[in-house]
PDB file of N, CA and C in Angstrom:
ATOM      1  N   MET A   1     131.969 124.102 116.435  1.00  0.00           N
ATOM      2  CA  MET A   1     132.229 125.454 115.993  1.00  0.00           C
ATOM      3  C   MET A   1     133.726 125.625 115.806  1.00  0.00           C
ATOM      4  N   ILE A   2     134.097 126.126 114.651  1.00  0.00           N
ATOM      5  CA  ILE A   2     135.487 126.399 114.330  1.00  0.00           C
ATOM      6  C   ILE A   2     135.646 127.915 114.179  1.00  0.00           C
ATOM      7  N   LYS A   3     136.606 128.491 114.900  1.00  0.00           N
ATOM      8  CA  LYS A   3     136.832 129.939 114.822  1.00  0.00           C
ATOM      9  C   LYS A   3     137.519 130.297 113.517  1.00  0.00           C
ATOM     10  N   THR A   4     136.844 131.089 112.728  1.00  0.00           N
ATOM     11  CA  THR A   4     137.400 131.620 111.484  1.00  0.00           C
ATOM     12  C   THR A   4     137.012 133.090 111.405  1.00  0.00           C
ATOM     13  N   ARG A   5     137.432 133.760 110.358  1.00  0.00           N
ATOM     14  CA  ARG A   5     137.057 135.168 110.213  1.00  0.00           C
ATOM     15  C   ARG A   5     135.551 135.326 110.016  1.00  0.00           C
ATOM     16  N   LEU A   6     134.874 134.260 109.621  1.00  0.00           N
ATOM     17  CA  LEU A   6     133.426 134.329 109.428  1.00  0.00           C
ATOM     18  C   LEU A   6     132.652 134.172 110.728  1.00  0.00           C
ATOM     19  N   THR A   7     133.291 133.624 111.762  1.00  0.00           N
ATOM     20  CA  THR A   7     132.584 133.414 113.026  1.00  0.00           C
ATOM     21  C   THR A   7     133.045 134.366 114.123  1.00  0.00           C
ATOM     22  N   GLU A   8     133.893 135.328 113.798  1.00  0.00           N
ATOM     23  CA  GLU A   8     134.315 136.316 114.788  1.00  0.00           C
ATOM     24  C   GLU A   8     133.179 137.292 115.056  1.00  0.00           C
ATOM     25  N   ALA A   9     133.288 138.013 116.170  1.00  0.00           N
ATOM     26  CA  ALA A   9     132.314 139.055 116.453  1.00  0.00           C
ATOM     27  C   ALA A   9     132.468 140.148 115.398  1.00  0.00           C
ATOM     28  N   PRO A  10     131.366 140.789 114.985  1.00  0.00           N
ATOM     29  CA  PRO A  10     131.460 141.837 113.967  1.00  0.00           C
ATOM     30  C   PRO A  10     132.409 142.956 114.396  1.00  0.00           C
ATOM     31  N   ALA A  11     133.212 143.405 113.465  1.00  0.00           N
ATOM     32  CA  ALA A  11     134.149 144.494 113.741  1.00  0.00           C
ATOM     33  C   ALA A  11     133.432 145.832 113.676  1.00  0.00           C
ATOM     34  N   ASP A  12     134.096 146.857 114.180  1.00  0.00           N
ATOM     35  CA  ASP A  12     133.524 148.201 114.131  1.00  0.00           C
ATOM     36  C   ASP A  12     133.299 148.669 112.692  1.00  0.00           C
ATOM     37  N   SER A  13     134.015 148.062 111.752  1.00  0.00           N
ATOM     38  CA  SER A  13     133.895 148.465 110.351  1.00  0.00           C
ATOM     39  C   SER A  13     132.623 147.934 109.698  1.00  0.00           C
ATOM     40  N   GLY A  14     131.729 147.364 110.470  1.00  0.00           N
ATOM     41  CA  GLY A  14     130.482 146.867 109.908  1.00  0.00           C
ATOM     42  C   GLY A  14     130.474 145.369 109.700  1.00  0.00           C
ATOM     43  N   GLY A  15     131.573 144.717 109.980  1.00  0.00           N
ATOM     44  CA  GLY A  15     131.617 143.272 109.885  1.00  0.00           C
ATOM     45  C   GLY A  15     131.482 142.740 108.479  1.00  0.00           C
ATOM     46  N   THR A  16     132.258 143.279 107.549  1.00  0.00           N
ATOM     47  CA  THR A  16     132.241 142.769 106.182  1.00  0.00           C
ATOM     48  C   THR A  16     133.665 142.428 105.739  1.00  0.00           C
ATOM     49  N   ILE A  17     133.759 141.513 104.804  1.00  0.00           N
ATOM     50  CA  ILE A  17     135.037 141.184 104.193  1.00  0.00           C
ATOM     51  C   ILE A  17     134.862 141.221 102.688  1.00  0.00           C
ATOM     52  N   ASP A  18     135.954 141.421 101.982  1.00  0.00           N
ATOM     53  CA  ASP A  18     135.921 141.450 100.539  1.00  0.00           C
ATOM     54  C   ASP A  18     136.435 140.117 100.008  1.00  0.00           C
ATOM     55  N   ILE A  19     135.590 139.427  99.279  1.00  0.00           N
ATOM     56  CA  ILE A  19     135.982 138.161  98.649  1.00  0.00           C
ATOM     57  C   ILE A  19     135.722 138.299  97.159  1.00  0.00           C
ATOM     58  N   GLN A  20     136.796 138.328  96.409  1.00  0.00           N
ATOM     59  CA  GLN A  20     136.746 138.444  94.950  1.00  0.00           C
ATOM     60  C   GLN A  20     135.864 139.606  94.506  1.00  0.00           C
ATOM     61  N   GLY A  21     136.035 140.739  95.178  1.00  0.00           N
ATOM     62  CA  GLY A  21     135.312 141.948  94.803  1.00  0.00           C
ATOM     63  C   GLY A  21     133.907 142.062  95.346  1.00  0.00           C
ATOM     64  N   LYS A  22     133.478 141.108  96.147  1.00  0.00           N
ATOM     65  CA  LYS A  22     132.133 141.153  96.730  1.00  0.00           C
ATOM     66  C   LYS A  22     132.249 141.395  98.227  1.00  0.00           C
ATOM     67  N   GLU A  23     131.468 142.321  98.754  1.00  0.00           N
ATOM     68  CA  GLU A  23     131.425 142.581 100.183  1.00  0.00           C
ATOM     69  C   GLU A  23     130.482 141.566 100.836  1.00  0.00           C
ATOM     70  N   ILE A  24     131.024 140.783 101.752  1.00  0.00           N
ATOM     71  CA  ILE A  24     130.251 139.754 102.431  1.00  0.00           C
ATOM     72  C   ILE A  24     130.143 140.121 103.906  1.00  0.00           C
ATOM     73  N   LYS A  25     128.915 140.148 104.435  1.00  0.00           N
ATOM     74  CA  LYS A  25     128.727 140.403 105.860  1.00  0.00           C
ATOM     75  C   LYS A  25     129.178 139.179 106.642  1.00  0.00           C
ATOM     76  N   VAL A  26     129.941 139.413 107.696  1.00  0.00           N
ATOM     77  CA  VAL A  26     130.425 138.326 108.535  1.00  0.00           C
ATOM     78  C   VAL A  26     130.229 138.689 109.992  1.00  0.00           C
ATOM     79  N   GLY A  27     130.367 137.678 110.835  1.00  0.00           N
ATOM     80  CA  GLY A  27     130.318 137.923 112.267  1.00  0.00           C
ATOM     81  C   GLY A  27     129.128 137.275 112.927  1.00  0.00           C
ATOM     82  N   VAL A  28     129.331 136.958 114.183  1.00  0.00           N
ATOM     83  CA  VAL A  28     128.299 136.347 115.002  1.00  0.00           C
ATOM     84  C   VAL A  28     128.168 137.187 116.267  1.00  0.00           C
ATOM     85  N   ASN A  29     126.963 137.358 116.724  1.00  0.00           N
ATOM     86  CA  ASN A  29     126.708 138.115 117.952  1.00  0.00           C
ATOM     87  C   ASN A  29     127.618 137.591 119.061  1.00  0.00           C
ATOM     88  N   PRO A  30     128.361 138.481 119.756  1.00  0.00           N
ATOM     89  CA  PRO A  30     129.292 138.039 120.801  1.00  0.00           C
ATOM     90  C   PRO A  30     128.622 137.230 121.917  1.00  0.00           C
ATOM     91  N   HIS A  31     127.386 137.558 122.254  1.00  0.00           N
ATOM     92  CA  HIS A  31     126.671 136.818 123.302  1.00  0.00           C
ATOM     93  C   HIS A  31     126.348 135.401 122.829  1.00  0.00           C
ATOM     94  N   LEU A  32     126.004 135.273 121.555  1.00  0.00           N
ATOM     95  CA  LEU A  32     125.738 133.957 120.971  1.00  0.00           C
ATOM     96  C   LEU A  32     127.029 133.141 120.923  1.00  0.00           C
ATOM     97  N   LEU A  33     128.142 133.767 120.546  1.00  0.00           N
ATOM     98  CA  LEU A  33     129.436 133.078 120.531  1.00  0.00           C
ATOM     99  C   LEU A  33     129.773 132.531 121.915  1.00  0.00           C
ATOM    100  N   SER A  34     129.581 133.358 122.927  1.00  0.00           N
ATOM    101  CA  SER A  34     129.882 132.949 124.305  1.00  0.00           C
ATOM    102  C   SER A  34     128.997 131.782 124.727  1.00  0.00           C
ATOM    103  N   ALA A  35     127.713 131.850 124.417  1.00  0.00           N
ATOM    104  CA  ALA A  35     126.790 130.774 124.784  1.00  0.00           C
ATOM    105  C   ALA A  35     127.151 129.477 124.060  1.00  0.00           C
ATOM    106  N   MET A  36     127.549 129.586 122.800  1.00  0.00           N
ATOM    107  CA  MET A  36     127.920 128.397 122.037  1.00  0.00           C
ATOM    108  C   MET A  36     129.179 127.758 122.616  1.00  0.00           C
ATOM    109  N   GLU A  37     130.156 128.583 122.984  1.00  0.00           N
ATOM    110  CA  GLU A  37     131.396 128.038 123.537  1.00  0.00           C
ATOM    111  C   GLU A  37     131.162 127.379 124.897  1.00  0.00           C
ATOM    112  N   GLN A  38     130.217 127.870 125.672  1.00  0.00           N
ATOM    113  CA  GLN A  38     129.911 127.268 126.968  1.00  0.00           C
ATOM    114  C   GLN A  38     129.294 125.884 126.806  1.00  0.00           C
ATOM    115  N   MET A  39     128.674 125.612 125.670  1.00  0.00           N
ATOM    116  CA  MET A  39     128.051 124.314 125.426  1.00  0.00           C
ATOM    117  C   MET A  39     129.067 123.263 124.973  1.00  0.00           C
ATOM    118  N   ILE A  40     130.255 123.699 124.580  1.00  0.00           N
ATOM    119  CA  ILE A  40     131.301 122.776 124.118  1.00  0.00           C
ATOM    120  C   ILE A  40     132.057 122.266 125.346  1.00  0.00           C
ATOM    121  N   PRO A  41     132.125 120.955 125.550  1.00  0.00           N
ATOM    122  CA  PRO A  41     132.796 120.425 126.737  1.00  0.00           C
ATOM    123  C   PRO A  41     134.231 120.917 126.938  1.00  0.00           C
ATOM    124  N   LEU A  42     134.980 121.164 125.864  1.00  0.00           N
ATOM    125  CA  LEU A  42     136.339 121.686 126.021  1.00  0.00           C
ATOM    126  C   LEU A  42     136.347 123.173 126.361  1.00  0.00           C
ATOM    127  N   GLY A  43     135.193 123.832 126.300  1.00  0.00           N
ATOM    128  CA  GLY A  43     135.066 125.221 126.720  1.00  0.00           C
ATOM    129  C   GLY A  43     135.537 126.257 125.717  1.00  0.00           C
ATOM    130  N   ARG A  44     135.775 125.847 124.490  1.00  0.00           N
ATOM    131  CA  ARG A  44     136.226 126.799 123.479  1.00  0.00           C
ATOM    132  C   ARG A  44     135.901 126.263 122.089  1.00  0.00           C
ATOM    133  N   ALA A  45     135.917 127.166 121.136  1.00  0.00           N
ATOM    134  CA  ALA A  45     135.745 126.767 119.746  1.00  0.00           C
ATOM    135  C   ALA A  45     137.043 126.160 119.233  1.00  0.00           C
ATOM    136  N   GLY A  46     136.950 125.377 118.189  1.00  0.00           N
ATOM    137  CA  GLY A  46     138.126 124.768 117.597  1.00  0.00           C
ATOM    138  C   GLY A  46     138.866 125.737 116.686  1.00  0.00           C
ATOM    139  N   THR A  47     140.066 125.358 116.326  1.00  0.00           N
ATOM    140  CA  THR A  47     140.869 126.155 115.399  1.00  0.00           C
ATOM    141  C   THR A  47     140.805 125.517 114.013  1.00  0.00           C
ATOM    142  N   PRO A  48     141.121 126.284 112.985  1.00  0.00           N
ATOM    143  CA  PRO A  48     141.175 125.679 111.654  1.00  0.00           C
ATOM    144  C   PRO A  48     142.156 124.505 111.586  1.00  0.00           C
ATOM    145  N   ALA A  49     143.273 124.588 112.297  1.00  0.00           N
ATOM    146  CA  ALA A  49     144.244 123.488 112.301  1.00  0.00           C
ATOM    147  C   ALA A  49     143.644 122.232 112.920  1.00  0.00           C
ATOM    148  N   GLU A  50     142.824 122.386 113.952  1.00  0.00           N
ATOM    149  CA  GLU A  50     142.183 121.223 114.575  1.00  0.00           C
ATOM    150  C   GLU A  50     141.157 120.597 113.631  1.00  0.00           C
ATOM    151  N   ALA A  51     140.435 121.423 112.892  1.00  0.00           N
ATOM    152  CA  ALA A  51     139.487 120.891 111.908  1.00  0.00           C
ATOM    153  C   ALA A  51     140.238 120.168 110.792  1.00  0.00           C
ATOM    154  N   ALA A  52     141.351 120.728 110.381  1.00  0.00           N
ATOM    155  CA  ALA A  52     142.162 120.090 109.342  1.00  0.00           C
ATOM    156  C   ALA A  52     142.699 118.748 109.826  1.00  0.00           C
ATOM    157  N   GLY A  53     142.991 118.639 111.116  1.00  0.00           N
ATOM    158  CA  GLY A  53     143.469 117.377 111.673  1.00  0.00           C
ATOM    159  C   GLY A  53     142.439 116.274 111.522  1.00  0.00           C
ATOM    160  N   ALA A  54     141.169 116.618 111.659  1.00  0.00           N
ATOM    161  CA  ALA A  54     140.107 115.622 111.490  1.00  0.00           C
ATOM    162  C   ALA A  54     140.052 115.139 110.038  1.00  0.00           C
ATOM    163  N   VAL A  55     140.250 116.056 109.104  1.00  0.00           N
ATOM    164  CA  VAL A  55     140.271 115.682 107.688  1.00  0.00           C
ATOM    165  C   VAL A  55     141.495 114.816 107.413  1.00  0.00           C
ATOM    166  N   TYR A  56     142.632 115.223 107.952  1.00  0.00           N
ATOM    167  CA  TYR A  56     143.882 114.481 107.751  1.00  0.00           C
ATOM    168  C   TYR A  56     143.766 113.047 108.259  1.00  0.00           C
ATOM    169  N   LEU A  57     143.073 112.881 109.369  1.00  0.00           N
ATOM    170  CA  LEU A  57     142.891 111.554 109.946  1.00  0.00           C
ATOM    171  C   LEU A  57     142.322 110.580 108.926  1.00  0.00           C
ATOM    172  N   LEU A  58     141.364 111.043 108.125  1.00  0.00           N
ATOM    173  CA  LEU A  58     140.738 110.172 107.133  1.00  0.00           C
ATOM    174  C   LEU A  58     141.557 110.059 105.850  1.00  0.00           C
ATOM    175  N   CYS A  59     142.646 110.814 105.744  1.00  0.00           N
ATOM    176  CA  CYS A  59     143.537 110.721 104.579  1.00  0.00           C
ATOM    177  C   CYS A  59     144.662 109.716 104.800  1.00  0.00           C
ATOM    178  N   LEU A  60     144.830 109.262 106.038  1.00  0.00           N
ATOM    179  CA  LEU A  60     145.888 108.315 106.345  1.00  0.00           C
ATOM    180  C   LEU A  60     145.557 106.936 105.770  1.00  0.00           C
ATOM    181  N   PRO A  61     146.564 106.203 105.353  1.00  0.00           N
ATOM    182  CA  PRO A  61     146.321 104.850 104.829  1.00  0.00           C
ATOM    183  C   PRO A  61     145.627 103.948 105.855  1.00  0.00           C
ATOM    184  N   GLU A  62     145.857 104.192 107.129  1.00  0.00           N
ATOM    185  CA  GLU A  62     145.233 103.368 108.175  1.00  0.00           C
ATOM    186  C   GLU A  62     143.710 103.507 108.195  1.00  0.00           C
ATOM    187  N   SER A  63     143.179 104.544 107.557  1.00  0.00           N
ATOM    188  CA  SER A  63     141.724 104.722 107.535  1.00  0.00           C
ATOM    189  C   SER A  63     141.098 104.208 106.241  1.00  0.00           C
ATOM    190  N   ASP A  64     141.869 103.487 105.424  1.00  0.00           N
ATOM    191  CA  ASP A  64     141.374 103.027 104.124  1.00  0.00           C
ATOM    192  C   ASP A  64     140.113 102.167 104.216  1.00  0.00           C
ATOM    193  N   TYR A  65     139.936 101.427 105.284  1.00  0.00           N
ATOM    194  CA  TYR A  65     138.786 100.531 105.386  1.00  0.00           C
ATOM    195  C   TYR A  65     137.608 101.179 106.131  1.00  0.00           C
ATOM    196  N   VAL A  66     137.746 102.448 106.503  1.00  0.00           N
ATOM    197  CA  VAL A  66     136.667 103.176 107.179  1.00  0.00           C
ATOM    198  C   VAL A  66     135.680 103.649 106.120  1.00  0.00           C
ATOM    199  N   SER A  67     134.413 103.358 106.349  1.00  0.00           N
ATOM    200  CA  SER A  67     133.385 103.815 105.413  1.00  0.00           C
ATOM    201  C   SER A  67     132.079 104.041 106.160  1.00  0.00           C
ATOM    202  N   GLY A  68     131.288 104.953 105.647  1.00  0.00           N
ATOM    203  CA  GLY A  68     129.956 105.179 106.189  1.00  0.00           C
ATOM    204  C   GLY A  68     129.923 105.726 107.604  1.00  0.00           C
ATOM    205  N   GLN A  69     130.907 106.521 107.978  1.00  0.00           N
ATOM    206  CA  GLN A  69     130.959 107.078 109.317  1.00  0.00           C
ATOM    207  C   GLN A  69     130.878 108.605 109.266  1.00  0.00           C
ATOM    208  N   THR A  70     130.355 109.172 110.333  1.00  0.00           N
ATOM    209  CA  THR A  70     130.352 110.619 110.488  1.00  0.00           C
ATOM    210  C   THR A  70     131.354 110.964 111.571  1.00  0.00           C
ATOM    211  N   LEU A  71     132.328 111.760 111.227  1.00  0.00           N
ATOM    212  CA  LEU A  71     133.338 112.192 112.183  1.00  0.00           C
ATOM    213  C   LEU A  71     132.957 113.577 112.672  1.00  0.00           C
ATOM    214  N   ILE A  72     132.721 113.706 113.960  1.00  0.00           N
ATOM    215  CA  ILE A  72     132.353 114.992 114.534  1.00  0.00           C
ATOM    216  C   ILE A  72     133.580 115.625 115.161  1.00  0.00           C
ATOM    217  N   CYS A  73     133.969 116.746 114.627  1.00  0.00           N
ATOM    218  CA  CYS A  73     135.107 117.515 115.139  1.00  0.00           C
ATOM    219  C   CYS A  73     134.522 118.677 115.926  1.00  0.00           C
ATOM    220  N   GLY A  74     134.096 118.389 117.175  1.00  0.00           N
ATOM    221  CA  GLY A  74     133.353 119.391 117.931  1.00  0.00           C
ATOM    222  C   GLY A  74     133.796 119.584 119.358  1.00  0.00           C
ATOM    223  N   GLY A  75     134.973 119.151 119.720  1.00  0.00           N
ATOM    224  CA  GLY A  75     135.450 119.361 121.093  1.00  0.00           C
ATOM    225  C   GLY A  75     134.594 118.672 122.140  1.00  0.00           C
ATOM    226  N   GLY A  76     133.908 117.606 121.740  1.00  0.00           N
ATOM    227  CA  GLY A  76     133.050 116.868 122.659  1.00  0.00           C
ATOM    228  C   GLY A  76     131.577 117.224 122.524  1.00  0.00           C
ATOM    229  N   PHE A  77     131.264 118.252 121.744  1.00  0.00           N
ATOM    230  CA  PHE A  77     129.873 118.670 121.536  1.00  0.00           C
ATOM    231  C   PHE A  77     129.258 117.835 120.431  1.00  0.00           C
ATOM    232  N   ASN A  78     128.174 117.157 120.726  1.00  0.00           N
ATOM    233  CA  ASN A  78     127.443 116.370 119.746  1.00  0.00           C
ATOM    234  C   ASN A  78     126.029 116.886 119.651  1.00  0.00           C
ATOM    235  N   ILE A  79     125.554 117.016 118.450  1.00  0.00           N
ATOM    236  CA  ILE A  79     124.193 117.511 118.254  1.00  0.00           C
ATOM    237  C   ILE A  79     123.222 116.362 118.395  1.00  0.00           C
TER     238      ILE A  79
END
């Protein structure tokens, strides 16, 4: 789980955001968020920068020979 504006608890304003003129409902039940974070061994959701780090890892020349792998950026949580 990566914390973004789409995974925050719904705001008092109804939990919507405007994307290119369209109102999109966003938000996750706060109790569900808490339960999900408790299942992650690091005890918290990841940040967008941490998710980007996983992508960056595969952009390095040292990863040129890596193929056919699934990289899980989940703070120790594996499905």
